[in-house]
Amino acid sequence: MSKRTDGFNPMGDRYVFDFKCCTSAKGWAQLDTRQDASYYGNWVNPLKYETVSYCEGDCTHIQYDSEAEFIAGLTETLKWHTEHECNPKIDGMCNPILIEAFTRLGFAEYLH
């Protein structure tokens, strides 16, 4: 069963995730949507099977127990963003390891 951790930081923004917590060097890719802004962002780690979402101070970190759970969770997230016309894409951050992992997991069509 996956582990979900919720938190709140009213004085934060997404850039601490972009440039410190969820970097490509740490195995993270950005899940880009039309909603992205300083107060909103999503990150995905296909190596550790984790996701992070940040929205107006609310932060949700999900650690999946297995590859199958991760695939199901990311599939659900991409479906939701697609249904809400947010045009989700996964930015592989020009990192061949991340690009290969997303491709192997079946998400190549979302890479940009």
PDB file of N, CA and C in Angstrom:
ATOM      1  N   MET A   1       0.842  -1.176   0.000  1.00  0.00           N
ATOM      2  CA  MET A   1       0.000   0.000   0.000  1.00  0.00           C
ATOM      3  C   MET A   1       0.888   1.240   0.000  1.00  0.00           C
ATOM      4  N   SER A   2       0.544   2.203  -0.785  1.00  0.00           N
ATOM      5  CA  SER A   2       1.349   3.413  -0.893  1.00  0.00           C
ATOM      6  C   SER A   2       1.261   4.238   0.395  1.00  0.00           C
ATOM      7  N   LYS A   3       2.274   5.090   0.590  1.00  0.00           N
ATOM      8  CA  LYS A   3       2.322   5.960   1.753  1.00  0.00           C
ATOM      9  C   LYS A   3       2.122   7.401   1.286  1.00  0.00           C
ATOM     10  N   ARG A   4       1.117   8.068   1.837  1.00  0.00           N
ATOM     11  CA  ARG A   4       0.806   9.448   1.473  1.00  0.00           C
ATOM     12  C   ARG A   4       1.110  10.353   2.669  1.00  0.00           C
ATOM     13  N   THR A   5       1.857  11.431   2.385  1.00  0.00           N
ATOM     14  CA  THR A   5       2.170  12.420   3.405  1.00  0.00           C
ATOM     15  C   THR A   5       1.686  13.777   2.915  1.00  0.00           C
ATOM     16  N   ASP A   6       0.851  14.438   3.711  1.00  0.00           N
ATOM     17  CA  ASP A   6       0.325  15.753   3.368  1.00  0.00           C
ATOM     18  C   ASP A   6       0.938  16.798   4.291  1.00  0.00           C
ATOM     19  N   GLY A   7       1.183  17.977   3.734  1.00  0.00           N
ATOM     20  CA  GLY A   7       1.718  19.066   4.525  1.00  0.00           C
ATOM     21  C   GLY A   7       1.229  20.399   4.002  1.00  0.00           C
ATOM     22  N   PHE A   8       1.578  21.469   4.719  1.00  0.00           N
ATOM     23  CA  PHE A   8       1.159  22.808   4.307  1.00  0.00           C
ATOM     24  C   PHE A   8       2.257  23.807   4.637  1.00  0.00           C
ATOM     25  N   ASN A   9       2.574  24.657   3.661  1.00  0.00           N
ATOM     26  CA  ASN A   9       3.540  25.737   3.842  1.00  0.00           C
ATOM     27  C   ASN A   9       2.965  26.982   3.179  1.00  0.00           C
ATOM     28  N   PRO A  10       2.335  27.867   3.957  1.00  0.00           N
ATOM     29  CA  PRO A  10       1.668  29.028   3.361  1.00  0.00           C
ATOM     30  C   PRO A  10       2.628  30.044   2.747  1.00  0.00           C
ATOM     31  N   MET A  11       3.902  29.957   3.070  1.00  0.00           N
ATOM     32  CA  MET A  11       4.871  30.927   2.554  1.00  0.00           C
ATOM     33  C   MET A  11       5.753  30.347   1.444  1.00  0.00           C
ATOM     34  N   GLY A  12       5.408  29.170   0.947  1.00  0.00           N
ATOM     35  CA  GLY A  12       6.237  28.496  -0.043  1.00  0.00           C
ATOM     36  C   GLY A  12       5.865  28.819  -1.470  1.00  0.00           C
ATOM     37  N   ASP A  13       6.615  28.216  -2.388  1.00  0.00           N
ATOM     38  CA  ASP A  13       6.301  28.243  -3.807  1.00  0.00           C
ATOM     39  C   ASP A  13       6.913  27.008  -4.449  1.00  0.00           C
ATOM     40  N   ARG A  14       6.627  26.788  -5.707  1.00  0.00           N
ATOM     41  CA  ARG A  14       7.066  25.568  -6.379  1.00  0.00           C
ATOM     42  C   ARG A  14       8.566  25.515  -6.623  1.00  0.00           C
ATOM     43  N   TYR A  15       9.237  26.648  -6.561  1.00  0.00           N
ATOM     44  CA  TYR A  15      10.637  26.699  -6.974  1.00  0.00           C
ATOM     45  C   TYR A  15      11.574  25.952  -6.033  1.00  0.00           C
ATOM     46  N   VAL A  16      11.196  25.787  -4.778  1.00  0.00           N
ATOM     47  CA  VAL A  16      12.004  24.974  -3.884  1.00  0.00           C
ATOM     48  C   VAL A  16      12.007  23.516  -4.356  1.00  0.00           C
ATOM     49  N   PHE A  17      10.920  23.085  -4.983  1.00  0.00           N
ATOM     50  CA  PHE A  17      10.851  21.731  -5.536  1.00  0.00           C
ATOM     51  C   PHE A  17      11.656  21.651  -6.833  1.00  0.00           C
ATOM     52  N   ASP A  18      11.471  22.652  -7.705  1.00  0.00           N
ATOM     53  CA  ASP A  18      12.182  22.672  -8.988  1.00  0.00           C
ATOM     54  C   ASP A  18      13.700  22.648  -8.822  1.00  0.00           C
ATOM     55  N   PHE A  19      14.204  23.420  -7.872  1.00  0.00           N
ATOM     56  CA  PHE A  19      15.646  23.645  -7.794  1.00  0.00           C
ATOM     57  C   PHE A  19      16.343  23.015  -6.601  1.00  0.00           C
ATOM     58  N   LYS A  20      15.573  22.383  -5.703  1.00  0.00           N
ATOM     59  CA  LYS A  20      16.205  21.777  -4.535  1.00  0.00           C
ATOM     60  C   LYS A  20      15.720  20.355  -4.253  1.00  0.00           C
ATOM     61  N   CYS A  21      14.441  20.208  -4.031  1.00  0.00           N
ATOM     62  CA  CYS A  21      13.904  18.918  -3.565  1.00  0.00           C
ATOM     63  C   CYS A  21      13.695  17.888  -4.671  1.00  0.00           C
ATOM     64  N   CYS A  22      13.202  18.324  -5.828  1.00  0.00           N
ATOM     65  CA  CYS A  22      12.783  17.395  -6.886  1.00  0.00           C
ATOM     66  C   CYS A  22      13.573  17.641  -8.164  1.00  0.00           C
ATOM     67  N   THR A  23      14.872  17.554  -8.072  1.00  0.00           N
ATOM     68  CA  THR A  23      15.733  17.808  -9.226  1.00  0.00           C
ATOM     69  C   THR A  23      15.946  16.537 -10.045  1.00  0.00           C
ATOM     70  N   SER A  24      16.343  16.737 -11.263  1.00  0.00           N
ATOM     71  CA  SER A  24      16.653  15.621 -12.159  1.00  0.00           C
ATOM     72  C   SER A  24      17.773  14.756 -11.582  1.00  0.00           C
ATOM     73  N   ALA A  25      18.744  15.380 -10.952  1.00  0.00           N
ATOM     74  CA  ALA A  25      19.860  14.636 -10.359  1.00  0.00           C
ATOM     75  C   ALA A  25      19.395  13.686  -9.256  1.00  0.00           C
ATOM     76  N   LYS A  26      18.257  13.986  -8.659  1.00  0.00           N
ATOM     77  CA  LYS A  26      17.694  13.135  -7.615  1.00  0.00           C
ATOM     78  C   LYS A  26      16.651  12.161  -8.172  1.00  0.00           C
ATOM     79  N   GLY A  27      16.491  12.132  -9.503  1.00  0.00           N
ATOM     80  CA  GLY A  27      15.580  11.180 -10.139  1.00  0.00           C
ATOM     81  C   GLY A  27      14.194  11.710 -10.427  1.00  0.00           C
ATOM     82  N   TRP A  28      14.004  13.027 -10.327  1.00  0.00           N
ATOM     83  CA  TRP A  28      12.681  13.617 -10.510  1.00  0.00           C
ATOM     84  C   TRP A  28      12.525  14.252 -11.887  1.00  0.00           C
ATOM     85  N   ALA A  29      11.320  14.166 -12.404  1.00  0.00           N
ATOM     86  CA  ALA A  29      10.931  14.840 -13.641  1.00  0.00           C
ATOM     87  C   ALA A  29       9.727  15.721 -13.322  1.00  0.00           C
ATOM     88  N   GLN A  30       9.581  16.794 -14.061  1.00  0.00           N
ATOM     89  CA  GLN A  30       8.412  17.645 -13.876  1.00  0.00           C
ATOM     90  C   GLN A  30       7.239  17.083 -14.681  1.00  0.00           C
ATOM     91  N   LEU A  31       6.074  17.088 -14.062  1.00  0.00           N
ATOM     92  CA  LEU A  31       4.846  16.755 -14.766  1.00  0.00           C
ATOM     93  C   LEU A  31       4.218  18.092 -15.136  1.00  0.00           C
ATOM     94  N   ASP A  32       4.433  18.512 -16.359  1.00  0.00           N
ATOM     95  CA  ASP A  32       3.989  19.830 -16.806  1.00  0.00           C
ATOM     96  C   ASP A  32       2.524  19.817 -17.204  1.00  0.00           C
ATOM     97  N   THR A  33       1.811  20.884 -16.812  1.00  0.00           N
ATOM     98  CA  THR A  33       0.419  21.077 -17.215  1.00  0.00           C
ATOM     99  C   THR A  33       0.200  22.554 -17.518  1.00  0.00           C
ATOM    100  N   ARG A  34      -0.933  22.862 -18.107  1.00  0.00           N
ATOM    101  CA  ARG A  34      -1.282  24.268 -18.378  1.00  0.00           C
ATOM    102  C   ARG A  34      -1.518  25.039 -17.089  1.00  0.00           C
ATOM    103  N   GLN A  35      -1.694  24.366 -15.980  1.00  0.00           N
ATOM    104  CA  GLN A  35      -1.954  25.022 -14.702  1.00  0.00           C
ATOM    105  C   GLN A  35      -0.684  25.482 -13.987  1.00  0.00           C
ATOM    106  N   ASP A  36       0.485  25.052 -14.454  1.00  0.00           N
ATOM    107  CA  ASP A  36       1.725  25.343 -13.748  1.00  0.00           C
ATOM    108  C   ASP A  36       1.902  26.840 -13.502  1.00  0.00           C
ATOM    109  N   ALA A  37       2.319  27.148 -12.289  1.00  0.00           N
ATOM    110  CA  ALA A  37       2.557  28.527 -11.872  1.00  0.00           C
ATOM    111  C   ALA A  37       3.445  28.476 -10.631  1.00  0.00           C
ATOM    112  N   SER A  38       3.800  29.617 -10.114  1.00  0.00           N
ATOM    113  CA  SER A  38       4.641  29.637  -8.914  1.00  0.00           C
ATOM    114  C   SER A  38       3.962  28.926  -7.742  1.00  0.00           C
ATOM    115  N   TYR A  39       2.642  28.859  -7.762  1.00  0.00           N
ATOM    116  CA  TYR A  39       1.877  28.256  -6.673  1.00  0.00           C
ATOM    117  C   TYR A  39       1.380  26.846  -6.997  1.00  0.00           C
ATOM    118  N   TYR A  40       1.804  26.263  -8.133  1.00  0.00           N
ATOM    119  CA  TYR A  40       1.285  24.953  -8.525  1.00  0.00           C
ATOM    120  C   TYR A  40       2.322  24.181  -9.337  1.00  0.00           C
ATOM    121  N   GLY A  41       2.522  22.921  -8.984  1.00  0.00           N
ATOM    122  CA  GLY A  41       3.417  22.062  -9.757  1.00  0.00           C
ATOM    123  C   GLY A  41       3.332  20.616  -9.300  1.00  0.00           C
ATOM    124  N   ASN A  42       3.817  19.716 -10.177  1.00  0.00           N
ATOM    125  CA  ASN A  42       3.832  18.284  -9.907  1.00  0.00           C
ATOM    126  C   ASN A  42       5.162  17.705 -10.361  1.00  0.00           C
ATOM    127  N   TRP A  43       5.671  16.727  -9.610  1.00  0.00           N
ATOM    128  CA  TRP A  43       6.928  16.078  -9.932  1.00  0.00           C
ATOM    129  C   TRP A  43       6.762  14.569  -9.776  1.00  0.00           C
ATOM    130  N   VAL A  44       7.514  13.822 -10.577  1.00  0.00           N
ATOM    131  CA  VAL A  44       7.370  12.369 -10.628  1.00  0.00           C
ATOM    132  C   VAL A  44       8.761  11.735 -10.624  1.00  0.00           C
ATOM    133  N   ASN A  45       8.937  10.716  -9.801  1.00  0.00           N
ATOM    134  CA  ASN A  45      10.208   9.996  -9.748  1.00  0.00           C
ATOM    135  C   ASN A  45       9.966   8.549 -10.174  1.00  0.00           C
ATOM    136  N   PRO A  46      10.353   8.197 -11.423  1.00  0.00           N
ATOM    137  CA  PRO A  46      10.111   6.844 -11.918  1.00  0.00           C
ATOM    138  C   PRO A  46      11.132   5.828 -11.410  1.00  0.00           C
ATOM    139  N   LEU A  47      12.144   6.288 -10.698  1.00  0.00           N
ATOM    140  CA  LEU A  47      13.173   5.395 -10.172  1.00  0.00           C
ATOM    141  C   LEU A  47      12.827   4.922  -8.761  1.00  0.00           C
ATOM    142  N   LYS A  48      12.228   5.816  -7.980  1.00  0.00           N
ATOM    143  CA  LYS A  48      11.835   5.484  -6.602  1.00  0.00           C
ATOM    144  C   LYS A  48      10.324   5.310  -6.456  1.00  0.00           C
ATOM    145  N   TYR A  49       9.593   5.502  -7.559  1.00  0.00           N
ATOM    146  CA  TYR A  49       8.128   5.360  -7.567  1.00  0.00           C
ATOM    147  C   TYR A  49       7.471   6.327  -6.571  1.00  0.00           C
ATOM    148  N   GLU A  50       7.709   7.614  -6.799  1.00  0.00           N
ATOM    149  CA  GLU A  50       7.170   8.653  -5.937  1.00  0.00           C
ATOM    150  C   GLU A  50       6.593   9.794  -6.767  1.00  0.00           C
ATOM    151  N   THR A  51       5.635  10.510  -6.178  1.00  0.00           N
ATOM    152  CA  THR A  51       5.119  11.735  -6.779  1.00  0.00           C
ATOM    153  C   THR A  51       5.023  12.810  -5.700  1.00  0.00           C
ATOM    154  N   VAL A  52       5.133  14.060  -6.143  1.00  0.00           N
ATOM    155  CA  VAL A  52       4.945  15.214  -5.265  1.00  0.00           C
ATOM    156  C   VAL A  52       4.046  16.196  -6.004  1.00  0.00           C
ATOM    157  N   SER A  53       3.061  16.725  -5.286  1.00  0.00           N
ATOM    158  CA  SER A  53       2.191  17.773  -5.824  1.00  0.00           C
ATOM    159  C   SER A  53       2.223  18.952  -4.869  1.00  0.00           C
ATOM    160  N   TYR A  54       2.273  20.153  -5.448  1.00  0.00           N
ATOM    161  CA  TYR A  54       2.274  21.376  -4.659  1.00  0.00           C
ATOM    162  C   TYR A  54       1.209  22.306  -5.225  1.00  0.00           C
ATOM    163  N   CYS A  55       0.301  22.777  -4.372  1.00  0.00           N
ATOM    164  CA  CYS A  55      -0.759  23.676  -4.812  1.00  0.00           C
ATOM    165  C   CYS A  55      -1.095  24.660  -3.699  1.00  0.00           C
ATOM    166  N   GLU A  56      -0.723  25.906  -3.919  1.00  0.00           N
ATOM    167  CA  GLU A  56      -1.062  26.989  -2.996  1.00  0.00           C
ATOM    168  C   GLU A  56      -0.713  26.662  -1.549  1.00  0.00           C
ATOM    169  N   GLY A  57       0.457  26.100  -1.333  1.00  0.00           N
ATOM    170  CA  GLY A  57       0.910  25.775   0.013  1.00  0.00           C
ATOM    171  C   GLY A  57       0.672  24.345   0.438  1.00  0.00           C
ATOM    172  N   ASP A  58      -0.314  23.680  -0.182  1.00  0.00           N
ATOM    173  CA  ASP A  58      -0.568  22.274   0.126  1.00  0.00           C
ATOM    174  C   ASP A  58       0.437  21.404  -0.617  1.00  0.00           C
ATOM    175  N   CYS A  59       1.017  20.461   0.092  1.00  0.00           N
ATOM    176  CA  CYS A  59       1.997  19.562  -0.516  1.00  0.00           C
ATOM    177  C   CYS A  59       1.605  18.120  -0.211  1.00  0.00           C
ATOM    178  N   THR A  60       1.591  17.295  -1.263  1.00  0.00           N
ATOM    179  CA  THR A  60       1.281  15.876  -1.113  1.00  0.00           C
ATOM    180  C   THR A  60       2.419  15.063  -1.708  1.00  0.00           C
ATOM    181  N   HIS A  61       2.968  14.175  -0.901  1.00  0.00           N
ATOM    182  CA  HIS A  61       4.050  13.286  -1.322  1.00  0.00           C
ATOM    183  C   HIS A  61       3.530  11.858  -1.225  1.00  0.00           C
ATOM    184  N   ILE A  62       3.570  11.138  -2.343  1.00  0.00           N
ATOM    185  CA  ILE A  62       3.121   9.742  -2.343  1.00  0.00           C
ATOM    186  C   ILE A  62       4.304   8.860  -2.702  1.00  0.00           C
ATOM    187  N   GLN A  63       4.543   7.864  -1.853  1.00  0.00           N
ATOM    188  CA  GLN A  63       5.573   6.859  -2.080  1.00  0.00           C
ATOM    189  C   GLN A  63       4.853   5.541  -2.361  1.00  0.00           C
ATOM    190  N   TYR A  64       4.989   5.053  -3.588  1.00  0.00           N
ATOM    191  CA  TYR A  64       4.304   3.827  -3.992  1.00  0.00           C
ATOM    192  C   TYR A  64       5.151   2.615  -3.615  1.00  0.00           C
ATOM    193  N   ASP A  65       4.489   1.543  -3.248  1.00  0.00           N
ATOM    194  CA  ASP A  65       5.183   0.332  -2.820  1.00  0.00           C
ATOM    195  C   ASP A  65       5.703  -0.519  -3.968  1.00  0.00           C
ATOM    196  N   SER A  66       5.164  -0.306  -5.148  1.00  0.00           N
ATOM    197  CA  SER A  66       5.576  -1.162  -6.265  1.00  0.00           C
ATOM    198  C   SER A  66       5.484  -0.401  -7.584  1.00  0.00           C
ATOM    199  N   GLU A  67       6.111  -0.964  -8.574  1.00  0.00           N
ATOM    200  CA  GLU A  67       6.039  -0.401  -9.920  1.00  0.00           C
ATOM    201  C   GLU A  67       4.588  -0.359 -10.401  1.00  0.00           C
ATOM    202  N   ALA A  68       3.851  -1.419 -10.146  1.00  0.00           N
ATOM    203  CA  ALA A  68       2.450  -1.474 -10.589  1.00  0.00           C
ATOM    204  C   ALA A  68       1.612  -0.376  -9.944  1.00  0.00           C
ATOM    205  N   GLU A  69       1.805  -0.136  -8.634  1.00  0.00           N
ATOM    206  CA  GLU A  69       1.073   0.938  -7.955  1.00  0.00           C
ATOM    207  C   GLU A  69       1.450   2.298  -8.534  1.00  0.00           C
ATOM    208  N   PHE A  70       2.734   2.487  -8.802  1.00  0.00           N
ATOM    209  CA  PHE A  70       3.198   3.749  -9.377  1.00  0.00           C
ATOM    210  C   PHE A  70       2.569   3.985 -10.745  1.00  0.00           C
ATOM    211  N   ILE A  71       2.575   2.965 -11.582  1.00  0.00           N
ATOM    212  CA  ILE A  71       1.981   3.085 -12.917  1.00  0.00           C
ATOM    213  C   ILE A  71       0.502   3.438 -12.801  1.00  0.00           C
ATOM    214  N   ALA A  72      -0.212   2.758 -11.908  1.00  0.00           N
ATOM    215  CA  ALA A  72      -1.636   3.049 -11.726  1.00  0.00           C
ATOM    216  C   ALA A  72      -1.850   4.473 -11.226  1.00  0.00           C
ATOM    217  N   GLY A  73      -1.051   4.918 -10.271  1.00  0.00           N
ATOM    218  CA  GLY A  73      -1.186   6.263  -9.725  1.00  0.00           C
ATOM    219  C   GLY A  73      -0.881   7.340 -10.742  1.00  0.00           C
ATOM    220  N   LEU A  74       0.210   7.166 -11.494  1.00  0.00           N
ATOM    221  CA  LEU A  74       0.577   8.160 -12.509  1.00  0.00           C
ATOM    222  C   LEU A  74      -0.441   8.150 -13.648  1.00  0.00           C
ATOM    223  N   THR A  75      -0.930   6.981 -14.019  1.00  0.00           N
ATOM    224  CA  THR A  75      -1.961   6.884 -15.053  1.00  0.00           C
ATOM    225  C   THR A  75      -3.206   7.657 -14.630  1.00  0.00           C
ATOM    226  N   GLU A  76      -3.612   7.506 -13.387  1.00  0.00           N
ATOM    227  CA  GLU A  76      -4.783   8.224 -12.871  1.00  0.00           C
ATOM    228  C   GLU A  76      -4.549   9.742 -12.893  1.00  0.00           C
ATOM    229  N   THR A  77      -3.366  10.173 -12.497  1.00  0.00           N
ATOM    230  CA  THR A  77      -3.032  11.601 -12.504  1.00  0.00           C
ATOM    231  C   THR A  77      -3.060  12.160 -13.919  1.00  0.00           C
ATOM    232  N   LEU A  78      -2.453  11.454 -14.859  1.00  0.00           N
ATOM    233  CA  LEU A  78      -2.440  11.914 -16.251  1.00  0.00           C
ATOM    234  C   LEU A  78      -3.853  11.947 -16.829  1.00  0.00           C
ATOM    235  N   LYS A  79      -4.665  10.951 -16.483  1.00  0.00           N
ATOM    236  CA  LYS A  79      -6.048  10.915 -16.958  1.00  0.00           C
ATOM    237  C   LYS A  79      -6.828  12.116 -16.434  1.00  0.00           C
ATOM    238  N   TRP A  80      -6.673  12.417 -15.149  1.00  0.00           N
ATOM    239  CA  TRP A  80      -7.378  13.555 -14.558  1.00  0.00           C
ATOM    240  C   TRP A  80      -6.990  14.854 -15.260  1.00  0.00           C
ATOM    241  N   HIS A  81      -5.694  15.061 -15.450  1.00  0.00           N
ATOM    242  CA  HIS A  81      -5.239  16.287 -16.107  1.00  0.00           C
ATOM    243  C   HIS A  81      -5.709  16.347 -17.563  1.00  0.00           C
ATOM    244  N   THR A  82      -5.761  15.227 -18.236  1.00  0.00           N
ATOM    245  CA  THR A  82      -6.250  15.192 -19.613  1.00  0.00           C
ATOM    246  C   THR A  82      -7.738  15.535 -19.661  1.00  0.00           C
ATOM    247  N   GLU A  83      -8.514  14.936 -18.765  1.00  0.00           N
ATOM    248  CA  GLU A  83      -9.963  15.196 -18.725  1.00  0.00           C
ATOM    249  C   GLU A  83     -10.278  16.656 -18.406  1.00  0.00           C
ATOM    250  N   HIS A  84      -9.385  17.330 -17.711  1.00  0.00           N
ATOM    251  CA  HIS A  84      -9.580  18.737 -17.352  1.00  0.00           C
ATOM    252  C   HIS A  84      -8.812  19.672 -18.280  1.00  0.00           C
ATOM    253  N   GLU A  85      -8.461  19.153 -19.471  1.00  0.00           N
ATOM    254  CA  GLU A  85      -7.832  19.922 -20.549  1.00  0.00           C
ATOM    255  C   GLU A  85      -6.572  20.657 -20.098  1.00  0.00           C
ATOM    256  N   CYS A  86      -5.781  19.979 -19.286  1.00  0.00           N
ATOM    257  CA  CYS A  86      -4.541  20.580 -18.784  1.00  0.00           C
ATOM    258  C   CYS A  86      -3.321  20.160 -19.590  1.00  0.00           C
ATOM    259  N   ASN A  87      -3.520  19.300 -20.610  1.00  0.00           N
ATOM    260  CA  ASN A  87      -2.455  18.877 -21.508  1.00  0.00           C
ATOM    261  C   ASN A  87      -1.203  18.410 -20.763  1.00  0.00           C
ATOM    262  N   PRO A  88      -1.295  17.336 -19.988  1.00  0.00           N
ATOM    263  CA  PRO A  88      -0.136  16.899 -19.213  1.00  0.00           C
ATOM    264  C   PRO A  88       0.985  16.349 -20.089  1.00  0.00           C
ATOM    265  N   LYS A  89       2.199  16.704 -19.719  1.00  0.00           N
ATOM    266  CA  LYS A  89       3.408  16.198 -20.369  1.00  0.00           C
ATOM    267  C   LYS A  89       4.445  15.934 -19.291  1.00  0.00           C
ATOM    268  N   ILE A  90       5.303  14.981 -19.525  1.00  0.00           N
ATOM    269  CA  ILE A  90       6.383  14.677 -18.600  1.00  0.00           C
ATOM    270  C   ILE A  90       7.677  15.214 -19.198  1.00  0.00           C
ATOM    271  N   ASP A  91       8.328  16.083 -18.458  1.00  0.00           N
ATOM    272  CA  ASP A  91       9.603  16.646 -18.884  1.00  0.00           C
ATOM    273  C   ASP A  91      10.706  15.746 -18.352  1.00  0.00           C
ATOM    274  N   GLY A  92      11.311  14.973 -19.227  1.00  0.00           N
ATOM    275  CA  GLY A  92      12.385  14.060 -18.843  1.00  0.00           C
ATOM    276  C   GLY A  92      13.665  14.763 -18.456  1.00  0.00           C
ATOM    277  N   MET A  93      13.660  16.082 -18.496  1.00  0.00           N
ATOM    278  CA  MET A  93      14.771  16.913 -18.049  1.00  0.00           C
ATOM    279  C   MET A  93      16.073  16.593 -18.800  1.00  0.00           C
ATOM    280  N   CYS A  94      15.939  16.112 -20.041  1.00  0.00           N
ATOM    281  CA  CYS A  94      17.100  15.722 -20.864  1.00  0.00           C
ATOM    282  C   CYS A  94      17.983  14.692 -20.154  1.00  0.00           C
ATOM    283  N   ASN A  95      17.379  13.932 -19.260  1.00  0.00           N
ATOM    284  CA  ASN A  95      18.089  12.924 -18.484  1.00  0.00           C
ATOM    285  C   ASN A  95      17.778  11.556 -19.092  1.00  0.00           C
ATOM    286  N   PRO A  96      18.764  10.929 -19.741  1.00  0.00           N
ATOM    287  CA  PRO A  96      18.493   9.658 -20.411  1.00  0.00           C
ATOM    288  C   PRO A  96      18.003   8.551 -19.477  1.00  0.00           C
ATOM    289  N   ILE A  97      18.408   8.584 -18.227  1.00  0.00           N
ATOM    290  CA  ILE A  97      17.958   7.564 -17.276  1.00  0.00           C
ATOM    291  C   ILE A  97      16.461   7.726 -17.004  1.00  0.00           C
ATOM    292  N   LEU A  98      16.020   8.972 -16.816  1.00  0.00           N
ATOM    293  CA  LEU A  98      14.593   9.220 -16.579  1.00  0.00           C
ATOM    294  C   LEU A  98      13.765   8.916 -17.819  1.00  0.00           C
ATOM    295  N   ILE A  99      14.244   9.329 -18.963  1.00  0.00           N
ATOM    296  CA  ILE A  99      13.523   9.087 -20.219  1.00  0.00           C
ATOM    297  C   ILE A  99      13.354   7.590 -20.448  1.00  0.00           C
ATOM    298  N   GLU A 100      14.406   6.822 -20.217  1.00  0.00           N
ATOM    299  CA  GLU A 100      14.333   5.367 -20.383  1.00  0.00           C
ATOM    300  C   GLU A 100      13.361   4.763 -19.386  1.00  0.00           C
ATOM    301  N   ALA A 101      13.363   5.261 -18.148  1.00  0.00           N
ATOM    302  CA  ALA A 101      12.466   4.708 -17.129  1.00  0.00           C
ATOM    303  C   ALA A 101      11.003   4.969 -17.491  1.00  0.00           C
ATOM    304  N   PHE A 102      10.686   6.192 -17.901  1.00  0.00           N
ATOM    305  CA  PHE A 102       9.302   6.492 -18.282  1.00  0.00           C
ATOM    306  C   PHE A 102       8.888   5.685 -19.515  1.00  0.00           C
ATOM    307  N   THR A 103       9.799   5.502 -20.448  1.00  0.00           N
ATOM    308  CA  THR A 103       9.511   4.711 -21.646  1.00  0.00           C
ATOM    309  C   THR A 103       9.237   3.261 -21.261  1.00  0.00           C
ATOM    310  N   ARG A 104      10.088   2.699 -20.411  1.00  0.00           N
ATOM    311  CA  ARG A 104       9.924   1.308 -19.964  1.00  0.00           C
ATOM    312  C   ARG A 104       8.609   1.112 -19.218  1.00  0.00           C
ATOM    313  N   LEU A 105       8.179   2.141 -18.467  1.00  0.00           N
ATOM    314  CA  LEU A 105       6.943   2.050 -17.688  1.00  0.00           C
ATOM    315  C   LEU A 105       5.681   2.310 -18.517  1.00  0.00           C
ATOM    316  N   GLY A 106       5.865   2.690 -19.800  1.00  0.00           N
ATOM    317  CA  GLY A 106       4.716   2.874 -20.684  1.00  0.00           C
ATOM    318  C   GLY A 106       4.233   4.297 -20.830  1.00  0.00           C
ATOM    319  N   PHE A 107       5.061   5.276 -20.468  1.00  0.00           N
ATOM    320  CA  PHE A 107       4.640   6.672 -20.522  1.00  0.00           C
ATOM    321  C   PHE A 107       5.355   7.478 -21.607  1.00  0.00           C
ATOM    322  N   ALA A 108       5.922   6.812 -22.601  1.00  0.00           N
ATOM    323  CA  ALA A 108       6.671   7.514 -23.663  1.00  0.00           C
ATOM    324  C   ALA A 108       5.830   8.563 -24.380  1.00  0.00           C
ATOM    325  N   GLU A 109       4.538   8.291 -24.560  1.00  0.00           N
ATOM    326  CA  GLU A 109       3.686   9.245 -25.287  1.00  0.00           C
ATOM    327  C   GLU A 109       3.541  10.579 -24.559  1.00  0.00           C
ATOM    328  N   TYR A 110       3.833  10.609 -23.272  1.00  0.00           N
ATOM    329  CA  TYR A 110       3.714  11.850 -22.495  1.00  0.00           C
ATOM    330  C   TYR A 110       5.024  12.624 -22.398  1.00  0.00           C
ATOM    331  N   LEU A 111       6.121  12.011 -22.805  1.00  0.00           N
ATOM    332  CA  LEU A 111       7.421  12.703 -22.720  1.00  0.00           C
ATOM    333  C   LEU A 111       7.511  13.839 -23.724  1.00  0.00           C
ATOM    334  N   HIS A 112       8.165  14.909 -23.307  1.00  0.00           N
ATOM    335  CA  HIS A 112       8.457  16.004 -24.231  1.00  0.00           C
ATOM    336  C   HIS A 112       9.810  16.580 -23.927  1.00  0.00           C
TER     337      HIS A 112
END
